Amino acid sequence: MSRVTEKACTVCHTITKGNVCPKCKSTALSEDFSGLVIVFDPESSAIAKTMNIKEKGRYALKVR
C-alpha cells in the first residue's frame, strides 16, 4: 500500500500532494512543515493578510 504524503511549497507555503505547487508552479517542496491554515476568505482574514495570502486554500505555517 503506497502512502501519499503531503508537501508544502517553500515559496508560498501551499500544501499539495503533487510534485509541483499548484499556485506558484515551484518544484521546491518539503515534507518537513508544521501548522495548517485553511483560508476561505483571504480578503477579510487577518491571518491571510499577515501571511500575504491572496487565494483561498490550505497553507503551512512553517516550512523547513
PDB file of N, CA and C in Angstrom:
ATOM      1  N   MET A   1       0.843  -1.171   0.000  1.00  0.00           N
ATOM      2  CA  MET A   1       0.000   0.000   0.000  1.00  0.00           C
ATOM      3  C   MET A   1       0.891   1.239   0.000  1.00  0.00           C
ATOM      4  N   SER A   2       0.682   2.125  -0.979  1.00  0.00           N
ATOM      5  CA  SER A   2       1.503   3.330  -1.047  1.00  0.00           C
ATOM      6  C   SER A   2       0.869   4.443  -0.218  1.00  0.00           C
ATOM      7  N   ARG A   3       1.716   5.218   0.392  1.00  0.00           N
ATOM      8  CA  ARG A   3       1.270   6.308   1.248  1.00  0.00           C
ATOM      9  C   ARG A   3       1.531   7.632   0.539  1.00  0.00           C
ATOM     10  N   VAL A   4       0.493   8.412   0.323  1.00  0.00           N
ATOM     11  CA  VAL A   4       0.635   9.719  -0.315  1.00  0.00           C
ATOM     12  C   VAL A   4       0.919  10.740   0.780  1.00  0.00           C
ATOM     13  N   THR A   5       2.075  11.374   0.681  1.00  0.00           N
ATOM     14  CA  THR A   5       2.422  12.373   1.683  1.00  0.00           C
ATOM     15  C   THR A   5       2.197  13.764   1.124  1.00  0.00           C
ATOM     16  N   GLU A   6       1.701  14.615   1.981  1.00  0.00           N
ATOM     17  CA  GLU A   6       1.506  15.998   1.583  1.00  0.00           C
ATOM     18  C   GLU A   6       2.823  16.743   1.728  1.00  0.00           C
ATOM     19  N   LYS A   7       3.012  17.725   0.860  1.00  0.00           N
ATOM     20  CA  LYS A   7       4.212  18.551   0.876  1.00  0.00           C
ATOM     21  C   LYS A   7       3.783  20.007   0.889  1.00  0.00           C
ATOM     22  N   ALA A   8       4.657  20.851   1.404  1.00  0.00           N
ATOM     23  CA  ALA A   8       4.396  22.290   1.425  1.00  0.00           C
ATOM     24  C   ALA A   8       5.416  22.993   0.545  1.00  0.00           C
ATOM     25  N   CYS A   9       4.942  23.968  -0.191  1.00  0.00           N
ATOM     26  CA  CYS A   9       5.809  24.766  -1.059  1.00  0.00           C
ATOM     27  C   CYS A   9       6.672  25.678  -0.189  1.00  0.00           C
ATOM     28  N   THR A  10       7.964  25.689  -0.447  1.00  0.00           N
ATOM     29  CA  THR A  10       8.867  26.541   0.330  1.00  0.00           C
ATOM     30  C   THR A  10       8.753  28.002  -0.087  1.00  0.00           C
ATOM     31  N   VAL A  11       8.109  28.277  -1.220  1.00  0.00           N
ATOM     32  CA  VAL A  11       7.963  29.639  -1.717  1.00  0.00           C
ATOM     33  C   VAL A  11       6.696  30.297  -1.165  1.00  0.00           C
ATOM     34  N   CYS A  12       5.529  29.624  -1.354  1.00  0.00           N
ATOM     35  CA  CYS A  12       4.255  30.250  -0.977  1.00  0.00           C
ATOM     36  C   CYS A  12       3.505  29.511   0.141  1.00  0.00           C
ATOM     37  N   HIS A  13       4.059  28.408   0.642  1.00  0.00           N
ATOM     38  CA  HIS A  13       3.521  27.629   1.764  1.00  0.00           C
ATOM     39  C   HIS A  13       2.252  26.842   1.441  1.00  0.00           C
ATOM     40  N   THR A  14       1.855  26.763   0.189  1.00  0.00           N
ATOM     41  CA  THR A  14       0.685  25.975  -0.196  1.00  0.00           C
ATOM     42  C   THR A  14       0.955  24.498   0.060  1.00  0.00           C
ATOM     43  N   ILE A  15      -0.032  23.799   0.604  1.00  0.00           N
ATOM     44  CA  ILE A  15       0.093  22.363   0.850  1.00  0.00           C
ATOM     45  C   ILE A  15      -0.504  21.623  -0.340  1.00  0.00           C
ATOM     46  N   THR A  16       0.255  20.650  -0.862  1.00  0.00           N
ATOM     47  CA  THR A  16      -0.158  19.893  -2.033  1.00  0.00           C
ATOM     48  C   THR A  16       0.244  18.431  -1.900  1.00  0.00           C
ATOM     49  N   LYS A  17      -0.364  17.582  -2.704  1.00  0.00           N
ATOM     50  CA  LYS A  17       0.008  16.171  -2.760  1.00  0.00           C
ATOM     51  C   LYS A  17       0.862  15.883  -3.986  1.00  0.00           C
ATOM     52  N   GLY A  18       0.993  16.849  -4.873  1.00  0.00           N
ATOM     53  CA  GLY A  18       1.764  16.665  -6.099  1.00  0.00           C
ATOM     54  C   GLY A  18       3.229  17.025  -5.928  1.00  0.00           C
ATOM     55  N   ASN A  19       3.932  17.093  -7.050  1.00  0.00           N
ATOM     56  CA  ASN A  19       5.359  17.426  -7.046  1.00  0.00           C
ATOM     57  C   ASN A  19       5.624  18.843  -7.553  1.00  0.00           C
ATOM     58  N   VAL A  20       4.560  19.562  -7.912  1.00  0.00           N
ATOM     59  CA  VAL A  20       4.661  20.950  -8.364  1.00  0.00           C
ATOM     60  C   VAL A  20       3.584  21.746  -7.639  1.00  0.00           C
ATOM     61  N   CYS A  21       3.939  22.911  -7.148  1.00  0.00           N
ATOM     62  CA  CYS A  21       2.974  23.759  -6.441  1.00  0.00           C
ATOM     63  C   CYS A  21       1.888  24.228  -7.418  1.00  0.00           C
ATOM     64  N   PRO A  22       0.612  24.016  -7.089  1.00  0.00           N
ATOM     65  CA  PRO A  22      -0.457  24.444  -7.988  1.00  0.00           C
ATOM     66  C   PRO A  22      -0.637  25.970  -8.043  1.00  0.00           C
ATOM     67  N   LYS A  23      -0.134  26.699  -7.058  1.00  0.00           N
ATOM     68  CA  LYS A  23      -0.311  28.157  -7.020  1.00  0.00           C
ATOM     69  C   LYS A  23       0.822  28.896  -7.721  1.00  0.00           C
ATOM     70  N   CYS A  24       2.081  28.586  -7.349  1.00  0.00           N
ATOM     71  CA  CYS A  24       3.212  29.354  -7.909  1.00  0.00           C
ATOM     72  C   CYS A  24       4.070  28.543  -8.886  1.00  0.00           C
ATOM     73  N   LYS A  25       3.707  27.282  -9.095  1.00  0.00           N
ATOM     74  CA  LYS A  25       4.388  26.381 -10.044  1.00  0.00           C
ATOM     75  C   LYS A  25       5.832  26.044  -9.660  1.00  0.00           C
ATOM     76  N   SER A  26       6.200  26.273  -8.407  1.00  0.00           N
ATOM     77  CA  SER A  26       7.538  25.936  -7.932  1.00  0.00           C
ATOM     78  C   SER A  26       7.647  24.429  -7.703  1.00  0.00           C
ATOM     79  N   THR A  27       8.847  23.897  -7.856  1.00  0.00           N
ATOM     80  CA  THR A  27       9.089  22.495  -7.538  1.00  0.00           C
ATOM     81  C   THR A  27       9.836  22.367  -6.212  1.00  0.00           C
ATOM     82  N   ALA A  28      10.037  23.479  -5.515  1.00  0.00           N
ATOM     83  CA  ALA A  28      10.729  23.480  -4.215  1.00  0.00           C
ATOM     84  C   ALA A  28       9.704  23.140  -3.127  1.00  0.00           C
ATOM     85  N   LEU A  29       9.472  21.837  -2.936  1.00  0.00           N
ATOM     86  CA  LEU A  29       8.503  21.362  -1.958  1.00  0.00           C
ATOM     87  C   LEU A  29       9.210  20.619  -0.838  1.00  0.00           C
ATOM     88  N   SER A  30       8.621  20.650   0.342  1.00  0.00           N
ATOM     89  CA  SER A  30       9.226  19.994   1.503  1.00  0.00           C
ATOM     90  C   SER A  30       8.164  19.201   2.254  1.00  0.00           C
ATOM     91  N   GLU A  31       8.539  18.015   2.723  1.00  0.00           N
ATOM     92  CA  GLU A  31       7.653  17.222   3.578  1.00  0.00           C
ATOM     93  C   GLU A  31       7.766  17.670   5.032  1.00  0.00           C
ATOM     94  N   ASP A  32       8.749  18.513   5.311  1.00  0.00           N
ATOM     95  CA  ASP A  32       9.007  18.973   6.677  1.00  0.00           C
ATOM     96  C   ASP A  32       8.348  20.342   6.897  1.00  0.00           C
ATOM     97  N   PHE A  33       7.083  20.301   7.312  1.00  0.00           N
ATOM     98  CA  PHE A  33       6.360  21.540   7.599  1.00  0.00           C
ATOM     99  C   PHE A  33       5.506  21.339   8.829  1.00  0.00           C
ATOM    100  N   SER A  34       5.083  22.445   9.438  1.00  0.00           N
ATOM    101  CA  SER A  34       4.234  22.352  10.624  1.00  0.00           C
ATOM    102  C   SER A  34       3.140  23.400  10.560  1.00  0.00           C
ATOM    103  N   GLY A  35       2.052  23.110  11.228  1.00  0.00           N
ATOM    104  CA  GLY A  35       0.916  24.016  11.264  1.00  0.00           C
ATOM    105  C   GLY A  35       0.102  23.957   9.992  1.00  0.00           C
ATOM    106  N   LEU A  36      -1.173  24.212  10.120  1.00  0.00           N
ATOM    107  CA  LEU A  36      -2.070  24.200   8.974  1.00  0.00           C
ATOM    108  C   LEU A  36      -3.055  25.338   9.105  1.00  0.00           C
ATOM    109  N   VAL A  37      -3.163  26.135   8.058  1.00  0.00           N
ATOM    110  CA  VAL A  37      -4.127  27.224   7.999  1.00  0.00           C
ATOM    111  C   VAL A  37      -4.983  26.983   6.771  1.00  0.00           C
ATOM    112  N   ILE A  38      -6.299  26.976   6.956  1.00  0.00           N
ATOM    113  CA  ILE A  38      -7.210  26.863   5.829  1.00  0.00           C
ATOM    114  C   ILE A  38      -7.873  28.225   5.669  1.00  0.00           C
ATOM    115  N   VAL A  39      -7.658  28.835   4.522  1.00  0.00           N
ATOM    116  CA  VAL A  39      -8.180  30.184   4.267  1.00  0.00           C
ATOM    117  C   VAL A  39      -9.369  30.073   3.312  1.00  0.00           C
ATOM    118  N   PHE A  40     -10.520  30.556   3.758  1.00  0.00           N
ATOM    119  CA  PHE A  40     -11.724  30.569   2.933  1.00  0.00           C
ATOM    120  C   PHE A  40     -11.963  31.933   2.300  1.00  0.00           C
ATOM    121  N   ASP A  41     -11.644  32.995   3.044  1.00  0.00           N
ATOM    122  CA  ASP A  41     -11.888  34.352   2.566  1.00  0.00           C
ATOM    123  C   ASP A  41     -10.650  35.209   2.833  1.00  0.00           C
ATOM    124  N   PRO A  42      -9.688  35.201   1.900  1.00  0.00           N
ATOM    125  CA  PRO A  42      -8.430  35.922   2.137  1.00  0.00           C
ATOM    126  C   PRO A  42      -8.603  37.439   2.262  1.00  0.00           C
ATOM    127  N   GLU A  43      -9.672  37.979   1.713  1.00  0.00           N
ATOM    128  CA  GLU A  43      -9.909  39.425   1.776  1.00  0.00           C
ATOM    129  C   GLU A  43     -10.158  39.913   3.197  1.00  0.00           C
ATOM    130  N   SER A  44     -10.873  39.109   4.002  1.00  0.00           N
ATOM    131  CA  SER A  44     -11.236  39.559   5.348  1.00  0.00           C
ATOM    132  C   SER A  44     -10.498  38.808   6.452  1.00  0.00           C
ATOM    133  N   SER A  45      -9.526  37.971   6.096  1.00  0.00           N
ATOM    134  CA  SER A  45      -8.790  37.189   7.084  1.00  0.00           C
ATOM    135  C   SER A  45      -7.521  37.913   7.540  1.00  0.00           C
ATOM    136  N   ALA A  46      -7.407  38.124   8.847  1.00  0.00           N
ATOM    137  CA  ALA A  46      -6.209  38.763   9.390  1.00  0.00           C
ATOM    138  C   ALA A  46      -4.992  37.861   9.215  1.00  0.00           C
ATOM    139  N   ILE A  47      -5.180  36.555   9.366  1.00  0.00           N
ATOM    140  CA  ILE A  47      -4.067  35.616   9.195  1.00  0.00           C
ATOM    141  C   ILE A  47      -3.595  35.620   7.746  1.00  0.00           C
ATOM    142  N   ALA A  48      -4.529  35.647   6.802  1.00  0.00           N
ATOM    143  CA  ALA A  48      -4.159  35.684   5.381  1.00  0.00           C
ATOM    144  C   ALA A  48      -3.371  36.951   5.062  1.00  0.00           C
ATOM    145  N   LYS A  49      -3.775  38.067   5.645  1.00  0.00           N
ATOM    146  CA  LYS A  49      -3.046  39.317   5.410  1.00  0.00           C
ATOM    147  C   LYS A  49      -1.632  39.242   5.984  1.00  0.00           C
ATOM    148  N   THR A  50      -1.501  38.679   7.188  1.00  0.00           N
ATOM    149  CA  THR A  50      -0.199  38.539   7.829  1.00  0.00           C
ATOM    150  C   THR A  50       0.728  37.624   7.026  1.00  0.00           C
ATOM    151  N   MET A  51       0.155  36.540   6.488  1.00  0.00           N
ATOM    152  CA  MET A  51       0.948  35.573   5.717  1.00  0.00           C
ATOM    153  C   MET A  51       1.061  35.950   4.240  1.00  0.00           C
ATOM    154  N   ASN A  52       0.443  37.075   3.849  1.00  0.00           N
ATOM    155  CA  ASN A  52       0.451  37.551   2.463  1.00  0.00           C
ATOM    156  C   ASN A  52      -0.207  36.541   1.515  1.00  0.00           C
ATOM    157  N   ILE A  53      -1.342  35.977   1.931  1.00  0.00           N
ATOM    158  CA  ILE A  53      -2.090  35.006   1.144  1.00  0.00           C
ATOM    159  C   ILE A  53      -3.191  35.740   0.386  1.00  0.00           C
ATOM    160  N   LYS A  54      -3.239  35.520  -0.924  1.00  0.00           N
ATOM    161  CA  LYS A  54      -4.219  36.202  -1.779  1.00  0.00           C
ATOM    162  C   LYS A  54      -5.327  35.272  -2.274  1.00  0.00           C
ATOM    163  N   GLU A  55      -5.119  33.942  -2.177  1.00  0.00           N
ATOM    164  CA  GLU A  55      -6.093  32.974  -2.681  1.00  0.00           C
ATOM    165  C   GLU A  55      -6.500  32.007  -1.581  1.00  0.00           C
ATOM    166  N   LYS A  56      -7.748  31.515  -1.659  1.00  0.00           N
ATOM    167  CA  LYS A  56      -8.180  30.540  -0.663  1.00  0.00           C
ATOM    168  C   LYS A  56      -7.432  29.226  -0.880  1.00  0.00           C
ATOM    169  N   GLY A  57      -7.271  28.459   0.206  1.00  0.00           N
ATOM    170  CA  GLY A  57      -6.571  27.194   0.111  1.00  0.00           C
ATOM    171  C   GLY A  57      -6.009  26.748   1.443  1.00  0.00           C
ATOM    172  N   ARG A  58      -5.180  25.698   1.405  1.00  0.00           N
ATOM    173  CA  ARG A  58      -4.536  25.137   2.590  1.00  0.00           C
ATOM    174  C   ARG A  58      -3.066  25.529   2.584  1.00  0.00           C
ATOM    175  N   TYR A  59      -2.599  26.069   3.702  1.00  0.00           N
ATOM    176  CA  TYR A  59      -1.237  26.596   3.802  1.00  0.00           C
ATOM    177  C   TYR A  59      -0.548  26.092   5.061  1.00  0.00           C
ATOM    178  N   ALA A  60       0.763  25.915   4.981  1.00  0.00           N
ATOM    179  CA  ALA A  60       1.570  25.551   6.143  1.00  0.00           C
ATOM    180  C   ALA A  60       2.038  26.823   6.837  1.00  0.00           C
ATOM    181  N   LEU A  61       2.069  26.781   8.164  1.00  0.00           N
ATOM    182  CA  LEU A  61       2.576  27.935   8.914  1.00  0.00           C
ATOM    183  C   LEU A  61       4.085  28.049   8.810  1.00  0.00           C
ATOM    184  N   LYS A  62       4.760  26.888   8.907  1.00  0.00           N
ATOM    185  CA  LYS A  62       6.228  26.883   8.874  1.00  0.00           C
ATOM    186  C   LYS A  62       6.711  25.764   7.961  1.00  0.00           C
ATOM    187  N   VAL A  63       7.589  26.099   7.027  1.00  0.00           N
ATOM    188  CA  VAL A  63       8.154  25.109   6.112  1.00  0.00           C
ATOM    189  C   VAL A  63       9.663  25.105   6.285  1.00  0.00           C
ATOM    190  N   ARG A  64      10.226  23.908   6.463  1.00  0.00           N
ATOM    191  CA  ARG A  64      11.670  23.783   6.630  1.00  0.00           C
ATOM    192  C   ARG A  64      12.275  23.108   5.421  1.00  0.00           C
TER     193      ARG A  64
END
